Amino acid sequence: MSGSWEHEDLQHDLATTRRDVGEIAVERLAIGFYGGNGQIDVFAVRPSWTQPVPTVYEVKISRADFLRDTQAGKYQKYLPYCRRLYFATPEGMVHRKEVPEGTGLCVRGENGWRTVLAPRMRTDPEGWAEILFSLLLKIHPGPWDKPTRAERVQATAKAMETRGAGRGTAPKVAATLRELDDLRGSVDSAHRELCNALGVPDTDTREIWQLALAVRNTAPAKLPPEMAEVKRGILRAKAHIEQVERVVDGLGVAS
């Protein structure tokens, strides 16, 4: 079972489970300046004034990592920041008798997380102030929140993708702007031709309702010879509109 989990996936799954039961849970909580005092895989605390019970979870996905940690006592540096410390592993990887005294063991099986061994409850942690400040920085990151190598690689890839998309989109935007200029010229030309056919100044009929009024006030016999050219101008403008619409649709712009 242990081979089917990646560390970050198991860590995230555990943090999500703790949030689902109403706790405040964060992943990769750096302690001290730039994480100089270590990084807690999952830190959880109850939203309670009287019994917050700060809890540290050390996530392990391999026996080798678990044995190295417990034999070297690496987990002990997190004890000042919690009242309980669990080792969190895939089911079947670690036996409860292998867990250091005073710590607990929770495992992830097919049906979710379960506690195999409850840890001894410690006194209020002496590092409360430091852990609370670390939580504050985690919730409100700034320039002090140094990104991981994976995060830097992901940000670089996203920036390169954005630049690539920009290079492909720029010619389409330029073509659209040119089409809009052509469209403006076609509309202006059709407007002038219609005004000439109606015998009215084009400066006095900029609005549609003004053109409609001019048409109603014009004798029908005067319209037919000139209206054919006006219609051709309108059709040219319509063709430009359709062409611009196709370009805009190709850019993925919502209407």
Protein backbone atom coordinates (compact mmCIF):
# COMPACT_ATOMS: atom_id res chain seq x y z
CA MET A 1 0.00 0.00 0.00
CA SER A 2 2.87 2.39 0.81
CA GLY A 3 4.16 2.33 -2.74
CA SER A 4 0.93 3.83 -4.11
CA TRP A 5 1.31 7.16 -2.28
CA GLU A 6 3.49 10.17 -3.02
CA HIS A 7 4.52 12.19 0.02
CA GLU A 8 2.67 15.38 -0.95
CA ASP A 9 -0.48 13.44 -1.88
CA LEU A 10 -0.61 11.64 1.47
CA GLN A 11 0.18 14.88 3.29
CA HIS A 12 -2.60 16.76 1.47
CA ASP A 13 -5.06 13.92 2.04
CA LEU A 14 -4.38 14.01 5.78
CA ALA A 15 -4.70 17.82 6.01
CA THR A 16 -7.99 17.68 4.10
CA THR A 17 -9.32 15.04 6.48
CA ARG A 18 -8.45 17.16 9.52
CA ARG A 19 -10.22 20.16 7.97
CA ASP A 20 -13.26 18.00 7.27
CA VAL A 21 -13.65 17.38 11.00
CA GLY A 22 -13.49 21.09 11.78
CA GLU A 23 -9.84 21.59 12.60
CA ILE A 24 -7.47 24.23 11.23
CA ALA A 25 -4.84 22.30 9.30
CA VAL A 26 -1.91 23.54 7.23
CA GLU A 27 0.73 21.71 5.23
CA ARG A 28 4.48 22.30 5.15
CA LEU A 29 4.52 24.72 8.07
CA ALA A 30 8.00 26.27 8.28
CA ILE A 31 9.24 26.98 11.79
CA GLY A 32 11.69 29.80 12.43
CA PHE A 33 13.39 32.14 9.99
CA TYR A 34 13.14 30.57 6.50
CA GLY A 35 12.22 27.30 8.17
CA GLY A 36 15.52 27.14 10.03
CA ASN A 37 13.90 25.13 12.82
CA GLY A 38 12.37 22.63 10.45
CA GLN A 39 9.16 22.17 8.50
CA ILE A 40 6.11 20.36 9.87
CA ASP A 41 4.36 18.17 7.31
CA VAL A 42 0.87 18.79 8.71
CA PHE A 43 0.01 21.00 11.68
CA ALA A 44 -3.54 20.90 13.03
CA VAL A 45 -5.26 22.79 15.83
CA ARG A 46 -8.83 22.86 17.07
CA PRO A 47 -10.66 26.21 16.84
CA SER A 48 -11.12 26.30 20.63
CA TRP A 49 -10.03 28.80 23.28
CA THR A 50 -9.85 26.16 26.02
CA GLN A 51 -8.69 22.98 24.19
CA PRO A 52 -6.89 23.87 20.94
CA VAL A 53 -4.64 20.79 21.23
CA PRO A 54 -1.94 21.69 18.67
CA THR A 55 -0.94 18.52 16.84
CA VAL A 56 2.02 17.69 14.61
CA TYR A 57 1.84 14.97 11.95
CA GLU A 58 5.06 13.56 10.52
CA VAL A 59 4.13 12.01 7.17
CA LYS A 60 6.16 8.97 6.07
CA ILE A 61 5.64 6.96 2.88
CA SER A 62 8.57 4.54 3.26
CA ARG A 63 9.93 2.41 6.08
CA ALA A 64 13.44 3.64 5.35
CA ASP A 65 12.41 7.26 5.94
CA PHE A 66 10.49 6.32 9.08
CA LEU A 67 13.42 4.37 10.55
CA ARG A 68 15.93 7.13 9.73
CA ASP A 69 13.73 9.72 11.44
CA THR A 70 13.00 7.69 14.56
CA GLN A 71 16.57 6.43 14.99
CA ALA A 72 18.05 9.91 14.57
CA GLY A 73 15.36 11.49 16.76
CA LYS A 74 14.57 14.11 14.12
CA TYR A 75 10.92 14.21 15.17
CA GLN A 76 11.89 15.45 18.65
CA LYS A 77 12.57 18.99 17.43
CA TYR A 78 8.83 19.38 16.81
CA LEU A 79 7.77 18.39 20.34
CA PRO A 80 8.05 21.97 21.72
CA TYR A 81 5.39 23.05 19.21
CA CYS A 82 2.62 20.57 19.98
CA ARG A 83 0.70 18.64 22.59
CA ARG A 84 0.49 15.55 20.38
CA LEU A 85 2.76 14.14 17.69
CA TYR A 86 1.64 11.46 15.25
CA PHE A 87 3.47 9.54 12.59
CA ALA A 88 1.16 9.33 9.59
CA THR A 89 1.80 6.47 7.18
CA PRO A 90 0.06 4.24 4.65
CA GLU A 91 -1.61 1.27 6.29
CA GLY A 92 0.60 -1.77 6.90
CA MET A 93 3.93 0.06 6.67
CA VAL A 94 4.70 0.55 10.36
CA HIS A 95 3.76 -1.53 13.43
CA ARG A 96 2.55 0.31 16.51
CA LYS A 97 5.41 -1.15 18.57
CA GLU A 98 7.93 0.59 16.30
CA VAL A 99 6.64 4.06 17.11
CA PRO A 100 8.77 6.02 19.62
CA GLU A 101 7.41 6.26 23.14
CA GLY A 102 4.98 9.10 23.68
CA THR A 103 4.15 9.54 19.99
CA GLY A 104 1.16 8.20 18.09
CA LEU A 105 0.45 6.41 14.83
CA CYS A 106 -2.36 7.04 12.33
CA VAL A 107 -2.62 5.18 9.05
CA ARG A 108 -4.37 5.69 5.72
CA GLY A 109 -6.28 2.66 4.49
CA GLU A 110 -8.86 2.07 1.79
CA ASN A 111 -11.59 3.58 3.98
CA GLY A 112 -9.66 6.66 5.08
CA TRP A 113 -7.58 7.55 8.12
CA ARG A 114 -7.70 5.76 11.47
CA THR A 115 -5.73 6.01 14.70
CA VAL A 116 -3.69 2.91 15.57
CA LEU A 117 -1.97 4.37 18.61
CA ALA A 118 -2.91 7.55 20.48
CA PRO A 119 0.05 9.70 21.58
CA ARG A 120 0.63 10.86 25.12
CA MET A 121 -0.86 14.31 25.69
CA ARG A 122 1.90 16.78 26.50
CA THR A 123 1.71 20.03 28.45
CA ASP A 124 1.04 23.27 26.62
CA PRO A 125 3.88 23.73 24.11
CA GLU A 126 6.63 26.17 25.01
CA GLY A 127 6.84 27.21 21.37
CA TRP A 128 3.26 28.53 21.18
CA ALA A 129 4.28 32.07 20.21
CA GLU A 130 6.60 30.84 17.45
CA ILE A 131 4.09 28.38 16.04
CA LEU A 132 1.31 30.98 16.00
CA PHE A 133 3.57 33.43 14.17
CA SER A 134 4.47 30.70 11.68
CA LEU A 135 0.76 30.11 11.11
CA LEU A 136 0.23 33.83 10.52
CA LEU A 137 3.01 33.94 7.92
CA LYS A 138 1.59 30.81 6.26
CA ILE A 139 -1.88 32.35 5.97
CA HIS A 140 -0.52 35.73 4.85
CA PRO A 141 2.63 34.96 2.81
CA GLY A 142 5.04 37.64 1.77
CA PRO A 143 8.61 37.90 0.47
CA TRP A 144 9.73 35.87 3.49
CA ASP A 145 7.80 32.84 2.16
CA LYS A 146 10.54 31.28 0.05
CA PRO A 147 9.08 29.11 -2.76
CA THR A 148 10.18 25.51 -3.14
CA ARG A 149 12.12 24.31 -6.17
CA ALA A 150 8.98 22.62 -7.52
CA GLU A 151 7.02 25.87 -7.15
CA ARG A 152 9.75 27.83 -8.94
CA VAL A 153 9.78 25.33 -11.83
CA GLN A 154 5.99 25.49 -12.08
CA ALA A 155 5.99 29.31 -12.09
CA THR A 156 8.68 29.37 -14.81
CA ALA A 157 6.73 26.90 -16.97
CA LYS A 158 3.56 28.96 -16.58
CA ALA A 159 5.37 32.17 -17.55
CA MET A 160 6.85 30.51 -20.66
CA GLU A 161 3.41 29.19 -21.60
CA THR A 162 1.91 32.66 -21.19
CA ARG A 163 4.61 34.24 -23.38
CA GLY A 164 4.06 31.55 -26.01
CA ALA A 165 0.32 32.18 -25.98
CA GLY A 166 0.98 35.90 -26.31
CA ARG A 167 3.13 35.39 -29.39
CA GLY A 168 0.36 33.38 -31.02
CA THR A 169 -2.40 35.80 -30.03
CA ALA A 170 -0.73 39.10 -30.97
CA PRO A 171 -1.07 38.66 -34.77
CA LYS A 172 -4.75 37.80 -34.33
CA VAL A 173 -5.34 40.91 -32.24
CA ALA A 174 -3.54 43.07 -34.79
CA ALA A 175 -5.61 41.54 -37.62
CA THR A 176 -8.80 42.19 -35.64
CA LEU A 177 -7.87 45.84 -35.15
CA ARG A 178 -7.23 46.20 -38.87
CA GLU A 179 -10.60 44.63 -39.62
CA LEU A 180 -12.26 47.05 -37.19
CA ASP A 181 -10.69 49.96 -39.07
CA ASP A 182 -12.00 48.54 -42.35
CA LEU A 183 -15.40 48.06 -40.80
CA ARG A 184 -15.49 51.64 -39.58
CA GLY A 185 -14.67 52.83 -43.09
CA SER A 186 -17.38 50.65 -44.65
CA VAL A 187 -20.01 51.88 -42.20
CA ASP A 188 -19.03 55.52 -42.76
CA SER A 189 -19.18 55.00 -46.53
CA ALA A 190 -22.63 53.39 -46.35
CA HIS A 191 -23.81 56.22 -44.11
CA ARG A 192 -22.63 58.89 -46.56
CA GLU A 193 -24.24 57.08 -49.51
CA LEU A 194 -27.54 56.80 -47.68
CA CYS A 195 -27.46 60.48 -46.74
CA ASN A 196 -26.72 61.41 -50.35
CA ALA A 197 -29.68 59.30 -51.50
CA LEU A 198 -31.91 61.00 -48.97
CA GLY A 199 -30.59 64.47 -49.70
CA VAL A 200 -29.70 65.21 -46.07
CA PRO A 201 -26.37 66.25 -44.50
CA ASP A 202 -24.49 63.29 -43.02
CA THR A 203 -23.53 65.43 -40.01
CA ASP A 204 -27.20 65.68 -38.99
CA THR A 205 -27.98 61.95 -39.14
CA ARG A 206 -25.35 60.23 -36.98
CA GLU A 207 -27.96 58.28 -35.02
CA ILE A 208 -30.15 55.47 -36.39
CA TRP A 209 -33.37 57.20 -35.38
CA GLN A 210 -32.28 60.31 -37.34
CA LEU A 211 -31.72 58.20 -40.46
CA ALA A 212 -35.11 56.51 -40.03
CA LEU A 213 -36.81 59.87 -39.72
CA ALA A 214 -35.07 61.10 -42.86
CA VAL A 215 -36.24 58.00 -44.79
CA ARG A 216 -39.87 58.53 -43.71
CA ASN A 217 -39.72 62.16 -44.80
CA THR A 218 -38.34 61.34 -48.25
CA ALA A 219 -40.60 60.79 -51.26
CA PRO A 220 -40.54 57.08 -52.24
CA ALA A 221 -39.88 57.92 -55.91
CA LYS A 222 -36.53 59.44 -54.99
CA LEU A 223 -35.14 56.37 -53.29
CA PRO A 224 -34.87 53.43 -55.75
CA PRO A 225 -31.98 54.57 -58.07
CA GLU A 226 -29.64 55.50 -55.22
CA MET A 227 -30.62 52.80 -52.76
CA ALA A 228 -28.93 50.03 -54.75
CA GLU A 229 -25.48 51.50 -54.02
CA VAL A 230 -26.46 52.11 -50.41
CA LYS A 231 -27.47 48.46 -50.10
CA ARG A 232 -24.11 47.35 -51.51
CA GLY A 233 -22.35 49.50 -48.91
CA ILE A 234 -24.42 47.98 -46.14
CA LEU A 235 -23.63 44.46 -47.39
CA ARG A 236 -19.91 45.29 -47.40
CA ALA A 237 -20.19 46.51 -43.80
CA LYS A 238 -22.08 43.35 -42.85
CA ALA A 239 -19.36 41.19 -44.42
CA HIS A 240 -16.72 43.01 -42.39
CA ILE A 241 -18.76 42.51 -39.22
CA GLU A 242 -19.00 38.76 -39.85
CA GLN A 243 -15.27 38.55 -40.54
CA VAL A 244 -14.41 40.37 -37.32
CA GLU A 245 -16.77 38.09 -35.40
CA ARG A 246 -14.95 35.03 -36.74
CA VAL A 247 -11.58 36.45 -35.64
CA VAL A 248 -12.92 37.32 -32.17
CA ASP A 249 -14.43 33.83 -31.80
CA GLY A 250 -11.02 32.38 -32.70
CA LEU A 251 -9.49 34.35 -29.81
CA GLY A 252 -11.91 32.70 -27.42
CA VAL A 253 -13.48 36.01 -26.31
CA ALA A 254 -16.87 35.54 -24.65
CA SER A 255 -19.70 37.64 -26.07
